[in-house]
Amino acid sequence: MEGVQMHLISKEMLEKMPSMEKLRMILDNVKEGKIVVLETGLTPEEEAKLIEMTMLEIDHENFIGIEVESYPVKERSVFSKLFGKPKGRLTVIGPANRLKTLEKQADVIKALVQV
């Protein structure tokens, strides 16, 4: 059976993982051609670090990079702005040669996944 493997990662699992372990798990799965969907997104710092790690591991024959899309963060309360780290909501991450974002709106991400 041919297709694309997707990993749907729960908020609970992500909260248990240190940042670097989470990013390594995401990058390893994407390098294997899998699409990773995170129930809660990454912080801006984690997303920047993921892109940095990706750039270091690009191999033009086997791994050309990643595509990352998140829903925009909803308006937060004053308390959470002061004490909480902003996170994206649902995030979709995949190999750049297999995942293409077609359209992104406040509550809809339309993507094309190539087999």
Protein backbone atom coordinates (compact mmCIF):
# COMPACT_ATOMS: atom_id res chain seq x y z
CA MET A 1 0.00 0.00 0.00
CA GLU A 2 1.46 3.34 -1.05
CA GLY A 3 0.81 6.56 0.79
CA VAL A 4 2.09 9.17 3.17
CA GLN A 5 2.51 8.37 6.84
CA MET A 6 1.19 10.99 9.29
CA HIS A 7 2.07 11.29 12.96
CA LEU A 8 -0.56 13.11 15.04
CA ILE A 9 1.18 14.21 18.26
CA SER A 10 -0.94 15.06 21.31
CA LYS A 11 -0.54 18.12 23.51
CA GLU A 12 0.16 15.82 26.48
CA MET A 13 3.08 14.09 24.76
CA LEU A 14 4.58 17.41 23.64
CA GLU A 15 4.34 18.90 27.14
CA LYS A 16 6.34 15.97 28.59
CA MET A 17 9.25 16.44 26.17
CA PRO A 18 12.14 18.87 26.57
CA SER A 19 12.40 21.31 23.68
CA MET A 20 15.43 19.72 21.97
CA GLU A 21 13.98 16.20 22.23
CA LYS A 22 10.73 17.44 20.69
CA LEU A 23 12.56 19.14 17.81
CA ARG A 24 14.79 16.11 17.18
CA MET A 25 11.72 13.82 17.06
CA ILE A 26 9.99 16.14 14.58
CA LEU A 27 13.03 16.50 12.34
CA ASP A 28 13.81 12.76 12.35
CA ASN A 29 10.23 11.92 11.33
CA VAL A 30 10.15 14.55 8.58
CA LYS A 31 13.51 13.38 7.21
CA GLU A 32 11.91 9.92 6.86
CA GLY A 33 9.20 11.50 4.67
CA LYS A 34 6.45 11.59 7.31
CA ILE A 35 4.02 14.45 7.91
CA VAL A 36 3.91 15.52 11.58
CA VAL A 37 0.81 17.21 13.00
CA LEU A 38 1.18 18.79 16.45
CA GLU A 39 -1.96 19.37 18.52
CA THR A 40 -0.28 22.43 20.02
CA GLY A 41 2.27 24.36 18.09
CA LEU A 42 5.83 25.27 18.83
CA THR A 43 6.96 28.45 20.53
CA PRO A 44 8.54 31.00 18.18
CA GLU A 45 11.93 30.06 19.68
CA GLU A 46 11.33 26.33 19.04
CA GLU A 47 10.20 27.00 15.49
CA ALA A 48 13.31 29.10 14.80
CA LYS A 49 15.54 26.37 16.28
CA LEU A 50 13.77 23.72 14.15
CA ILE A 51 14.47 25.76 11.01
CA GLU A 52 18.10 26.23 12.09
CA MET A 53 18.52 22.48 12.69
CA THR A 54 16.92 21.76 9.31
CA MET A 55 19.31 24.06 7.49
CA LEU A 56 22.27 22.19 9.02
CA GLU A 57 20.93 18.82 7.84
CA ILE A 58 19.90 19.62 4.27
CA ASP A 59 21.15 17.03 1.79
CA HIS A 60 20.18 18.05 -1.75
CA GLU A 61 19.79 14.43 -2.86
CA ASN A 62 17.68 13.10 0.02
CA PHE A 63 16.38 15.95 2.21
CA ILE A 64 15.72 19.42 0.81
CA GLY A 65 14.03 20.98 3.86
CA ILE A 66 10.72 21.31 5.67
CA GLU A 67 7.40 23.07 5.27
CA VAL A 68 5.85 24.40 8.51
CA GLU A 69 2.37 25.88 8.89
CA SER A 70 0.52 26.82 12.07
CA TYR A 71 -2.79 28.46 12.76
CA PRO A 72 -2.20 32.00 14.01
CA VAL A 73 -2.25 32.45 17.79
CA LYS A 74 -5.63 33.59 19.07
CA GLU A 75 -5.80 36.83 21.05
CA ARG A 76 -4.43 36.15 24.53
CA SER A 77 -5.36 37.60 27.90
CA VAL A 78 -3.15 40.16 29.64
CA PHE A 79 -2.16 37.52 32.23
CA SER A 80 -1.04 35.01 29.60
CA LYS A 81 0.81 37.74 27.69
CA LEU A 82 2.82 38.57 30.80
CA PHE A 83 3.53 35.05 32.05
CA GLY A 84 2.98 32.62 29.21
CA LYS A 85 5.05 31.71 26.18
CA PRO A 86 3.12 32.20 22.95
CA LYS A 87 2.53 28.97 21.04
CA GLY A 88 0.94 28.35 17.71
CA ARG A 89 -2.14 26.25 17.64
CA LEU A 90 -2.24 23.15 15.43
CA THR A 91 0.98 22.86 13.42
CA VAL A 92 1.66 20.78 10.30
CA ILE A 93 5.29 19.96 9.44
CA GLY A 94 6.49 17.88 6.53
CA PRO A 95 9.20 17.44 3.91
CA ALA A 96 9.29 20.41 1.54
CA ASN A 97 9.12 18.08 -1.47
CA ARG A 98 5.91 16.37 -0.23
CA LEU A 99 3.92 19.06 1.62
CA LYS A 100 2.76 22.26 -0.07
CA THR A 101 0.59 24.87 1.63
CA LEU A 102 -2.15 26.01 -0.71
CA GLU A 103 -3.97 28.44 1.56
CA LYS A 104 -3.87 29.52 5.20
CA GLN A 105 -6.64 31.36 7.00
CA ALA A 106 -7.40 31.98 10.68
CA ASP A 107 -9.02 28.56 11.14
CA VAL A 108 -8.18 26.57 7.99
CA ILE A 109 -4.91 25.30 6.53
CA LYS A 110 -5.29 23.82 3.05
CA ALA A 111 -2.34 21.69 2.03
CA LEU A 112 -1.41 19.31 -0.75
CA VAL A 113 0.48 16.16 0.24
CA GLN A 114 2.27 14.40 -2.61
CA VAL A 115 2.86 10.65 -2.54
